[in-house]
N, C-alpha and C. Protein backbone atom coordinates (compact mmCIF):
# COMPACT_ATOMS: atom_id res chain seq x y z
N MET A 1 -17.28 6.40 -1.76
CA MET A 1 -16.46 7.12 -0.82
C MET A 1 -15.11 6.38 -0.70
N SER A 2 -14.08 7.07 -0.39
CA SER A 2 -12.72 6.45 -0.25
C SER A 2 -12.04 7.08 0.90
N LYS A 3 -10.88 6.37 1.31
CA LYS A 3 -10.09 6.80 2.40
C LYS A 3 -8.62 6.79 1.97
N CYS A 4 -7.82 7.58 2.72
CA CYS A 4 -6.41 7.53 2.46
C CYS A 4 -5.68 6.62 3.39
N VAL A 5 -4.60 6.02 2.81
CA VAL A 5 -3.74 5.14 3.54
C VAL A 5 -2.32 5.52 3.20
N VAL A 6 -1.40 5.22 4.08
CA VAL A 6 0.02 5.55 3.78
C VAL A 6 0.78 4.26 3.67
N LEU A 7 1.54 4.16 2.53
CA LEU A 7 2.33 2.89 2.29
C LEU A 7 3.74 3.18 2.07
N SER A 8 4.62 2.32 2.38
CA SER A 8 6.05 2.41 2.09
C SER A 8 6.71 1.02 2.08
N ALA A 9 7.89 0.95 1.59
CA ALA A 9 8.69 -0.24 1.55
C ALA A 9 10.14 0.15 1.82
N ASP A 10 10.29 0.67 3.05
CA ASP A 10 11.61 1.14 3.45
C ASP A 10 12.08 2.28 2.49
N ASN A 11 11.09 3.05 1.99
CA ASN A 11 11.39 4.14 1.09
C ASN A 11 10.47 5.29 1.48
N GLU A 12 10.39 6.28 0.63
CA GLU A 12 9.57 7.43 0.84
C GLU A 12 8.08 7.01 1.03
N LEU A 13 7.38 7.68 1.97
CA LEU A 13 6.02 7.40 2.25
C LEU A 13 5.13 7.87 1.15
N SER A 14 4.20 7.04 0.76
CA SER A 14 3.26 7.38 -0.33
C SER A 14 1.82 7.24 0.14
N VAL A 15 1.00 8.28 -0.14
CA VAL A 15 -0.40 8.32 0.22
C VAL A 15 -1.18 7.86 -0.96
N TYR A 16 -2.15 6.93 -0.71
CA TYR A 16 -3.06 6.45 -1.72
C TYR A 16 -4.50 6.60 -1.23
N ARG A 17 -5.43 6.92 -2.12
CA ARG A 17 -6.80 6.82 -1.81
C ARG A 17 -7.39 5.51 -2.18
N VAL A 18 -8.00 4.81 -1.29
CA VAL A 18 -8.46 3.41 -1.53
C VAL A 18 -9.96 3.38 -1.28
N PRO A 19 -10.62 2.44 -1.93
CA PRO A 19 -12.03 2.23 -1.68
C PRO A 19 -12.32 1.88 -0.25
N ASP A 20 -13.55 2.07 0.23
CA ASP A 20 -13.88 1.74 1.60
C ASP A 20 -13.66 0.30 1.92
N ALA A 21 -13.97 -0.57 0.98
CA ALA A 21 -13.84 -2.04 1.24
C ALA A 21 -12.39 -2.38 1.50
N VAL A 22 -11.44 -1.75 0.82
CA VAL A 22 -10.01 -1.98 1.02
C VAL A 22 -9.64 -1.36 2.36
N ALA A 23 -10.14 -0.16 2.67
CA ALA A 23 -9.76 0.47 3.92
C ALA A 23 -10.21 -0.31 5.12
N LYS A 24 -11.44 -0.99 5.01
CA LYS A 24 -11.89 -1.83 6.13
C LYS A 24 -11.05 -3.10 6.41
N SER A 25 -10.40 -3.56 5.35
CA SER A 25 -9.56 -4.79 5.48
C SER A 25 -8.09 -4.49 5.27
N PHE A 26 -7.70 -3.23 5.40
CA PHE A 26 -6.38 -2.82 4.98
C PHE A 26 -5.28 -3.63 5.53
N PHE A 27 -5.22 -3.80 6.86
CA PHE A 27 -4.03 -4.51 7.44
C PHE A 27 -4.06 -6.00 7.06
N LYS A 28 -5.16 -6.60 6.99
CA LYS A 28 -5.34 -8.00 6.61
C LYS A 28 -4.84 -8.15 5.18
N LEU A 29 -5.23 -7.28 4.26
CA LEU A 29 -4.77 -7.33 2.80
C LEU A 29 -3.27 -7.14 2.75
N CYS A 30 -2.74 -6.16 3.54
CA CYS A 30 -1.28 -5.93 3.54
C CYS A 30 -0.57 -7.17 4.00
N ASP A 31 -0.98 -7.70 5.17
CA ASP A 31 -0.32 -8.93 5.72
C ASP A 31 -0.35 -10.07 4.75
N THR A 32 -1.51 -10.34 4.13
CA THR A 32 -1.71 -11.37 3.15
C THR A 32 -0.79 -11.21 1.97
N PHE A 33 -0.76 -9.99 1.47
CA PHE A 33 0.15 -9.74 0.31
C PHE A 33 1.62 -9.96 0.66
N GLN A 34 2.02 -9.48 1.84
CA GLN A 34 3.44 -9.61 2.25
C GLN A 34 3.75 -11.11 2.45
N ARG A 35 2.87 -11.85 3.05
CA ARG A 35 3.15 -13.24 3.42
C ARG A 35 3.15 -14.09 2.11
N ASP A 36 2.23 -13.77 1.19
CA ASP A 36 2.06 -14.55 -0.03
C ASP A 36 2.44 -13.86 -1.25
N ALA A 37 3.42 -12.92 -1.24
CA ALA A 37 3.76 -12.08 -2.32
C ALA A 37 4.06 -12.91 -3.63
N LYS A 38 4.79 -13.93 -3.44
CA LYS A 38 5.24 -14.73 -4.62
C LYS A 38 3.99 -15.23 -5.37
N LYS A 39 3.03 -15.70 -4.64
CA LYS A 39 1.77 -16.26 -5.24
C LYS A 39 0.93 -15.15 -5.78
N LEU A 40 0.77 -14.01 -5.03
CA LEU A 40 -0.17 -13.00 -5.35
C LEU A 40 0.30 -11.87 -6.29
N GLN A 41 1.58 -11.75 -6.33
CA GLN A 41 2.15 -10.62 -7.11
C GLN A 41 1.74 -10.70 -8.61
N ILE A 42 1.51 -9.56 -9.14
CA ILE A 42 1.13 -9.46 -10.56
C ILE A 42 2.36 -9.71 -11.40
N HIS A 43 3.43 -9.00 -11.14
CA HIS A 43 4.70 -9.08 -11.91
C HIS A 43 5.86 -9.23 -10.96
N PRO A 44 6.05 -10.48 -10.46
CA PRO A 44 7.09 -10.68 -9.43
C PRO A 44 8.49 -10.43 -9.98
N ARG A 45 9.30 -9.86 -9.11
CA ARG A 45 10.72 -9.60 -9.45
C ARG A 45 11.51 -10.46 -8.40
N GLN A 46 12.35 -11.31 -8.98
CA GLN A 46 13.21 -12.16 -8.08
C GLN A 46 14.66 -11.83 -8.28
N VAL A 47 15.33 -11.78 -7.13
CA VAL A 47 16.81 -11.56 -7.21
C VAL A 47 17.39 -12.58 -6.21
N GLY A 48 18.13 -13.53 -6.83
CA GLY A 48 18.71 -14.60 -6.05
C GLY A 48 17.69 -15.46 -5.29
N GLY A 49 16.50 -15.64 -5.94
CA GLY A 49 15.44 -16.46 -5.27
C GLY A 49 14.55 -15.70 -4.35
N VAL A 50 14.83 -14.41 -4.06
CA VAL A 50 14.11 -13.55 -3.14
C VAL A 50 13.10 -12.76 -3.95
N VAL A 51 11.81 -12.75 -3.54
CA VAL A 51 10.84 -12.00 -4.25
C VAL A 51 10.86 -10.58 -3.70
N LEU A 52 10.99 -9.64 -4.63
CA LEU A 52 11.03 -8.18 -4.26
C LEU A 52 9.74 -7.53 -4.67
N PHE A 53 9.22 -6.75 -3.81
CA PHE A 53 8.01 -5.94 -4.11
C PHE A 53 7.99 -4.66 -3.33
N ASP A 54 7.12 -3.70 -3.73
CA ASP A 54 7.00 -2.49 -2.93
C ASP A 54 5.49 -2.14 -2.95
N GLU A 55 5.20 -0.91 -2.46
CA GLU A 55 3.87 -0.54 -2.32
C GLU A 55 3.12 -0.43 -3.73
N THR A 56 3.94 -0.09 -4.74
CA THR A 56 3.22 -0.01 -6.03
C THR A 56 2.82 -1.39 -6.53
N ASP A 57 3.52 -2.44 -6.21
CA ASP A 57 3.05 -3.78 -6.53
C ASP A 57 1.84 -4.14 -5.77
N PHE A 58 1.76 -3.74 -4.50
CA PHE A 58 0.57 -3.98 -3.71
C PHE A 58 -0.69 -3.23 -4.31
N ILE A 59 -0.51 -2.02 -4.72
CA ILE A 59 -1.59 -1.22 -5.27
C ILE A 59 -2.04 -1.86 -6.58
N GLU A 60 -1.06 -2.31 -7.36
CA GLU A 60 -1.41 -2.96 -8.66
C GLU A 60 -2.19 -4.25 -8.36
N TYR A 61 -1.76 -5.03 -7.39
CA TYR A 61 -2.54 -6.26 -7.01
C TYR A 61 -3.95 -5.86 -6.55
N LEU A 62 -4.09 -4.84 -5.74
CA LEU A 62 -5.42 -4.47 -5.31
C LEU A 62 -6.31 -4.07 -6.46
N ASN A 63 -5.76 -3.25 -7.34
CA ASN A 63 -6.53 -2.74 -8.51
C ASN A 63 -6.93 -3.84 -9.48
N GLU A 64 -6.03 -4.83 -9.64
CA GLU A 64 -6.30 -5.90 -10.60
C GLU A 64 -7.06 -7.08 -9.98
N LYS A 65 -6.93 -7.36 -8.71
CA LYS A 65 -7.48 -8.60 -8.13
C LYS A 65 -8.54 -8.34 -7.02
N VAL A 66 -8.54 -7.17 -6.40
CA VAL A 66 -9.43 -7.00 -5.26
C VAL A 66 -10.47 -5.92 -5.48
N CYS A 67 -10.08 -4.84 -6.02
CA CYS A 67 -11.02 -3.68 -6.23
C CYS A 67 -11.99 -4.03 -7.39
N GLY A 68 -13.14 -3.39 -7.28
CA GLY A 68 -14.12 -3.50 -8.37
C GLY A 68 -13.91 -2.31 -9.33
N ASP A 69 -14.91 -1.56 -9.51
CA ASP A 69 -14.86 -0.39 -10.39
C ASP A 69 -14.09 0.76 -9.75
N GLU A 70 -14.17 0.89 -8.43
CA GLU A 70 -13.42 1.96 -7.72
C GLU A 70 -12.02 1.44 -7.46
N LYS A 71 -11.02 2.14 -8.00
CA LYS A 71 -9.63 1.73 -7.91
C LYS A 71 -8.87 2.60 -6.87
N CYS A 72 -7.72 2.01 -6.47
CA CYS A 72 -6.79 2.73 -5.60
C CYS A 72 -6.03 3.77 -6.46
N VAL A 73 -5.82 4.98 -5.90
CA VAL A 73 -5.22 6.03 -6.70
C VAL A 73 -4.12 6.72 -5.81
N PHE A 74 -2.95 6.88 -6.46
CA PHE A 74 -1.86 7.59 -5.85
C PHE A 74 -2.24 9.06 -5.56
N VAL A 75 -1.94 9.56 -4.35
CA VAL A 75 -2.30 10.93 -4.03
C VAL A 75 -0.98 11.78 -4.05
N GLU A 76 -0.03 11.39 -3.17
CA GLU A 76 1.23 12.13 -3.15
C GLU A 76 2.27 11.45 -2.29
N LYS A 77 3.50 11.86 -2.44
CA LYS A 77 4.63 11.39 -1.57
C LYS A 77 4.69 12.38 -0.44
N ILE A 78 4.94 11.88 0.79
CA ILE A 78 5.03 12.83 1.91
C ILE A 78 6.41 12.78 2.65
N GLY A 79 7.36 12.24 2.00
CA GLY A 79 8.71 12.29 2.53
C GLY A 79 9.05 10.97 3.22
N TRP A 80 10.20 11.01 3.92
CA TRP A 80 10.83 9.88 4.54
C TRP A 80 10.53 9.70 6.05
N GLU A 81 9.90 10.70 6.64
CA GLU A 81 9.72 10.76 8.06
C GLU A 81 8.66 9.72 8.45
N HIS A 82 8.95 8.77 9.29
CA HIS A 82 8.07 7.73 9.78
C HIS A 82 7.38 8.18 11.08
N ASP A 83 7.76 9.29 11.68
CA ASP A 83 7.09 9.81 12.86
C ASP A 83 5.80 10.54 12.40
N ARG A 84 4.67 9.93 12.61
CA ARG A 84 3.43 10.51 12.08
C ARG A 84 3.14 11.92 12.64
N ASN A 85 3.74 12.23 13.76
CA ASN A 85 3.51 13.66 14.25
C ASN A 85 4.16 14.72 13.31
N ARG A 86 5.02 14.24 12.40
CA ARG A 86 5.66 15.18 11.44
C ARG A 86 5.03 15.06 10.05
N TRP A 87 4.01 14.22 9.87
CA TRP A 87 3.33 14.15 8.63
C TRP A 87 2.43 15.32 8.46
N PRO A 88 1.98 15.62 7.14
CA PRO A 88 0.95 16.63 7.03
C PRO A 88 -0.25 16.24 7.84
N GLU A 89 -0.87 17.25 8.42
CA GLU A 89 -2.03 17.02 9.40
C GLU A 89 -3.03 16.10 8.88
N GLN A 90 -3.40 16.25 7.61
CA GLN A 90 -4.53 15.49 7.03
C GLN A 90 -4.29 13.96 6.95
N TYR A 91 -3.02 13.52 7.10
CA TYR A 91 -2.68 12.14 6.98
C TYR A 91 -2.27 11.42 8.33
N ARG A 92 -2.23 12.19 9.37
CA ARG A 92 -1.70 11.70 10.67
C ARG A 92 -2.53 10.54 11.21
N LYS A 93 -3.81 10.50 10.94
CA LYS A 93 -4.69 9.41 11.46
C LYS A 93 -4.89 8.32 10.45
N CYS A 94 -4.27 8.39 9.33
CA CYS A 94 -4.40 7.34 8.28
C CYS A 94 -3.63 6.16 8.64
N PRO A 95 -4.16 4.98 8.32
CA PRO A 95 -3.35 3.75 8.54
C PRO A 95 -2.09 3.72 7.76
N HIS A 96 -1.07 3.13 8.30
CA HIS A 96 0.24 3.09 7.66
C HIS A 96 0.73 1.67 7.63
N TYR A 97 1.32 1.25 6.47
CA TYR A 97 1.88 -0.09 6.48
C TYR A 97 3.24 0.03 5.70
N ASN A 98 4.28 -0.53 6.30
CA ASN A 98 5.57 -0.58 5.64
C ASN A 98 5.86 -2.03 5.28
N PHE A 99 6.10 -2.24 3.96
CA PHE A 99 6.36 -3.64 3.51
C PHE A 99 7.78 -4.03 3.71
C-alpha cells in the first residue's frame, strides 16, 4: 500500500506516491534531508558553496537510500497554489513539505 504526499521547493507542487514506511516518517525524513542535504544528496549541486536541491533530489535519495522494493513514484503536478483548500480534493489531506 502507498500514500500520496505533496512536495515543492518554492516551485510548482508535485504529488508523489510513497511507500507506507516513508509516509509514516515523512516529516522526519524531509527535515533530515533538508538539514543534511550536502551529506545525503545523491548528486549535489553547489553554486557559490551553497548546496541546491529540490523535491526530485529528495525522491531520488528516498528511492536509492531509504526505500526497499517499493519506490516513490511521481503522480502529477497540481500547480503553484499553496492554499490546500484550492488543491484537487483528493490531495487536500496529504502531507505537504516545501524545501
